[in-house]
Amino acid sequence: MAGDTERIEQDIAKAREDLASTLDALAERTSPQRLADDAKSKALATLQTPAVKYAIAGVGALVVLIVVRKVAAR
């Protein structure tokens, strides 16, 4: 019986350690700074793709064209 009690106490202590470790990992993964850094990295990676670069350049050229036409129409 004493061995069973000690084993149960050890299992409980191990479960507590595992739970604490899991909670620490979750807290680190969901920290606002980490989430912001991850979002920034993903946004920068997306902006580096050729398709996005060309789309941004096209939109910029369209805006410039519209502004030039409006100014010229005055």
N, C-alpha and C. Protein backbone atom coordinates (compact mmCIF):
# COMPACT_ATOMS: atom_id res chain seq x y z
N MET A 1 0.81 -1.20 0.00
CA MET A 1 0.00 0.00 0.00
C MET A 1 0.85 1.26 0.00
N ALA A 2 1.92 1.28 0.81
CA ALA A 2 2.75 2.48 0.88
C ALA A 2 3.39 2.76 -0.48
N GLY A 3 3.75 1.69 -1.19
CA GLY A 3 4.34 1.86 -2.52
C GLY A 3 3.36 2.45 -3.50
N ASP A 4 2.10 2.03 -3.39
CA ASP A 4 1.07 2.57 -4.27
C ASP A 4 0.86 4.05 -4.01
N THR A 5 0.85 4.44 -2.74
CA THR A 5 0.66 5.84 -2.38
C THR A 5 1.80 6.70 -2.92
N GLU A 6 3.02 6.19 -2.76
CA GLU A 6 4.18 6.94 -3.25
C GLU A 6 4.13 7.07 -4.78
N ARG A 7 3.73 5.98 -5.44
CA ARG A 7 3.65 6.01 -6.90
C ARG A 7 2.58 7.01 -7.36
N ILE A 8 1.46 7.03 -6.68
CA ILE A 8 0.39 7.97 -7.02
C ILE A 8 0.87 9.40 -6.81
N GLU A 9 1.57 9.65 -5.71
CA GLU A 9 2.09 10.99 -5.44
C GLU A 9 3.11 11.40 -6.51
N GLN A 10 3.94 10.46 -6.94
CA GLN A 10 4.91 10.75 -7.99
C GLN A 10 4.20 11.05 -9.31
N ASP A 11 3.15 10.29 -9.60
CA ASP A 11 2.37 10.53 -10.82
C ASP A 11 1.73 11.91 -10.80
N ILE A 12 1.21 12.28 -9.64
CA ILE A 12 0.59 13.60 -9.50
C ILE A 12 1.63 14.70 -9.68
N ALA A 13 2.80 14.53 -9.07
CA ALA A 13 3.88 15.52 -9.20
C ALA A 13 4.31 15.64 -10.66
N LYS A 14 4.42 14.51 -11.34
CA LYS A 14 4.81 14.53 -12.76
C LYS A 14 3.75 15.23 -13.59
N ALA A 15 2.48 14.94 -13.30
CA ALA A 15 1.39 15.58 -14.04
C ALA A 15 1.41 17.09 -13.82
N ARG A 16 1.69 17.53 -12.61
CA ARG A 16 1.78 18.97 -12.31
C ARG A 16 2.92 19.61 -13.10
N GLU A 17 4.07 18.94 -13.14
CA GLU A 17 5.21 19.47 -13.89
C GLU A 17 4.88 19.57 -15.38
N ASP A 18 4.24 18.54 -15.91
CA ASP A 18 3.85 18.55 -17.33
C ASP A 18 2.86 19.67 -17.61
N LEU A 19 1.90 19.85 -16.72
CA LEU A 19 0.91 20.90 -16.89
C LEU A 19 1.56 22.28 -16.84
N ALA A 20 2.47 22.47 -15.90
CA ALA A 20 3.17 23.76 -15.79
C ALA A 20 3.99 24.03 -17.05
N SER A 21 4.64 23.01 -17.56
CA SER A 21 5.43 23.16 -18.78
C SER A 21 4.54 23.52 -19.97
N THR A 22 3.40 22.86 -20.07
CA THR A 22 2.47 23.13 -21.16
C THR A 22 1.92 24.55 -21.06
N LEU A 23 1.57 24.98 -19.87
CA LEU A 23 1.05 26.34 -19.68
C LEU A 23 2.10 27.38 -20.02
N ASP A 24 3.35 27.12 -19.65
CA ASP A 24 4.43 28.06 -19.99
C ASP A 24 4.60 28.15 -21.51
N ALA A 25 4.54 27.02 -22.19
CA ALA A 25 4.68 27.02 -23.65
C ALA A 25 3.53 27.77 -24.31
N LEU A 26 2.31 27.56 -23.80
CA LEU A 26 1.16 28.28 -24.35
C LEU A 26 1.26 29.78 -24.11
N ALA A 27 1.71 30.16 -22.93
CA ALA A 27 1.86 31.58 -22.62
C ALA A 27 2.89 32.22 -23.54
N GLU A 28 3.96 31.51 -23.82
CA GLU A 28 4.99 32.06 -24.71
C GLU A 28 4.47 32.19 -26.14
N ARG A 29 3.74 31.17 -26.60
CA ARG A 29 3.23 31.20 -27.98
C ARG A 29 2.17 32.26 -28.20
N THR A 30 1.44 32.62 -27.16
CA THR A 30 0.35 33.57 -27.32
C THR A 30 0.68 34.95 -26.77
N SER A 31 1.94 35.21 -26.51
CA SER A 31 2.30 36.54 -26.01
C SER A 31 2.10 37.56 -27.13
N PRO A 32 1.61 38.75 -26.80
CA PRO A 32 1.34 39.76 -27.82
C PRO A 32 2.57 40.10 -28.67
N GLN A 33 3.73 40.18 -28.05
CA GLN A 33 4.94 40.52 -28.80
C GLN A 33 5.26 39.42 -29.81
N ARG A 34 5.14 38.18 -29.40
CA ARG A 34 5.43 37.07 -30.30
C ARG A 34 4.43 37.03 -31.45
N LEU A 35 3.15 37.25 -31.15
CA LEU A 35 2.14 37.26 -32.21
C LEU A 35 2.40 38.39 -33.19
N ALA A 36 2.79 39.56 -32.68
CA ALA A 36 3.08 40.69 -33.56
C ALA A 36 4.30 40.40 -34.43
N ASP A 37 5.32 39.81 -33.84
CA ASP A 37 6.52 39.47 -34.61
C ASP A 37 6.20 38.44 -35.70
N ASP A 38 5.40 37.45 -35.36
CA ASP A 38 5.02 36.43 -36.35
C ASP A 38 4.21 37.05 -37.49
N ALA A 39 3.27 37.93 -37.15
CA ALA A 39 2.45 38.58 -38.18
C ALA A 39 3.32 39.46 -39.08
N LYS A 40 4.26 40.16 -38.48
CA LYS A 40 5.15 41.02 -39.26
C LYS A 40 6.00 40.18 -40.22
N SER A 41 6.52 39.08 -39.73
CA SER A 41 7.34 38.20 -40.57
C SER A 41 6.53 37.65 -41.75
N LYS A 42 5.30 37.23 -41.47
CA LYS A 42 4.46 36.69 -42.54
C LYS A 42 4.11 37.77 -43.56
N ALA A 43 3.82 38.98 -43.08
CA ALA A 43 3.48 40.07 -44.00
C ALA A 43 4.67 40.42 -44.88
N LEU A 44 5.85 40.50 -44.29
CA LEU A 44 7.05 40.82 -45.07
C LEU A 44 7.34 39.71 -46.09
N ALA A 45 7.15 38.47 -45.69
CA ALA A 45 7.38 37.36 -46.62
C ALA A 45 6.39 37.42 -47.78
N THR A 46 5.15 37.76 -47.49
CA THR A 46 4.14 37.86 -48.54
C THR A 46 4.46 39.01 -49.49
N LEU A 47 4.92 40.12 -48.94
CA LEU A 47 5.25 41.28 -49.78
C LEU A 47 6.45 41.02 -50.69
N GLN A 48 7.26 40.05 -50.35
CA GLN A 48 8.44 39.75 -51.15
C GLN A 48 8.13 38.86 -52.36
N THR A 49 6.94 38.31 -52.44
CA THR A 49 6.61 37.45 -53.58
C THR A 49 6.41 38.31 -54.82
N PRO A 50 6.83 37.82 -55.98
CA PRO A 50 6.72 38.62 -57.22
C PRO A 50 5.29 39.04 -57.54
N ALA A 51 4.33 38.17 -57.33
CA ALA A 51 2.94 38.51 -57.66
C ALA A 51 2.47 39.72 -56.87
N VAL A 52 2.80 39.77 -55.61
CA VAL A 52 2.38 40.89 -54.77
C VAL A 52 3.14 42.15 -55.16
N LYS A 53 4.42 42.02 -55.46
CA LYS A 53 5.20 43.19 -55.88
C LYS A 53 4.61 43.81 -57.14
N TYR A 54 4.26 42.97 -58.12
CA TYR A 54 3.70 43.48 -59.37
C TYR A 54 2.32 44.09 -59.15
N ALA A 55 1.54 43.49 -58.28
CA ALA A 55 0.21 44.03 -57.99
C ALA A 55 0.32 45.40 -57.33
N ILE A 56 1.24 45.55 -56.39
CA ILE A 56 1.43 46.84 -55.73
C ILE A 56 1.92 47.88 -56.73
N ALA A 57 2.84 47.49 -57.59
CA ALA A 57 3.33 48.42 -58.61
C ALA A 57 2.21 48.83 -59.56
N GLY A 58 1.36 47.89 -59.93
CA GLY A 58 0.23 48.20 -60.81
C GLY A 58 -0.76 49.15 -60.16
N VAL A 59 -1.08 48.92 -58.91
CA VAL A 59 -2.00 49.81 -58.19
C VAL A 59 -1.38 51.19 -58.05
N GLY A 60 -0.08 51.24 -57.75
CA GLY A 60 0.60 52.54 -57.64
C GLY A 60 0.58 53.30 -58.95
N ALA A 61 0.83 52.60 -60.05
CA ALA A 61 0.80 53.25 -61.36
C ALA A 61 -0.60 53.75 -61.69
N LEU A 62 -1.60 52.98 -61.34
CA LEU A 62 -2.99 53.39 -61.59
C LEU A 62 -3.34 54.64 -60.78
N VAL A 63 -2.91 54.69 -59.54
CA VAL A 63 -3.18 55.87 -58.70
C VAL A 63 -2.49 57.10 -59.29
N VAL A 64 -1.24 56.94 -59.71
CA VAL A 64 -0.51 58.06 -60.31
C VAL A 64 -1.22 58.53 -61.58
N LEU A 65 -1.66 57.60 -62.40
CA LEU A 65 -2.37 57.95 -63.63
C LEU A 65 -3.66 58.72 -63.33
N ILE A 66 -4.41 58.28 -62.36
CA ILE A 66 -5.65 58.97 -61.99
C ILE A 66 -5.37 60.36 -61.47
N VAL A 67 -4.36 60.51 -60.63
CA VAL A 67 -4.01 61.83 -60.09
C VAL A 67 -3.56 62.76 -61.21
N VAL A 68 -2.74 62.28 -62.12
CA VAL A 68 -2.26 63.10 -63.23
C VAL A 68 -3.43 63.54 -64.10
N ARG A 69 -4.35 62.66 -64.39
CA ARG A 69 -5.52 63.03 -65.21
C ARG A 69 -6.39 64.06 -64.51
N LYS A 70 -6.58 63.90 -63.20
CA LYS A 70 -7.40 64.87 -62.46
C LYS A 70 -6.74 66.25 -62.46
N VAL A 71 -5.41 66.26 -62.26
CA VAL A 71 -4.69 67.54 -62.25
C VAL A 71 -4.72 68.16 -63.64
N ALA A 72 -4.56 67.37 -64.67
CA ALA A 72 -4.56 67.88 -66.04
C ALA A 72 -5.94 68.37 -66.46
N ALA A 73 -6.99 67.83 -65.90
CA ALA A 73 -8.35 68.22 -66.26
C ALA A 73 -8.75 69.56 -65.66
N ARG A 74 -8.02 70.07 -64.74
CA ARG A 74 -8.37 71.33 -64.09
C ARG A 74 -8.15 72.48 -64.98
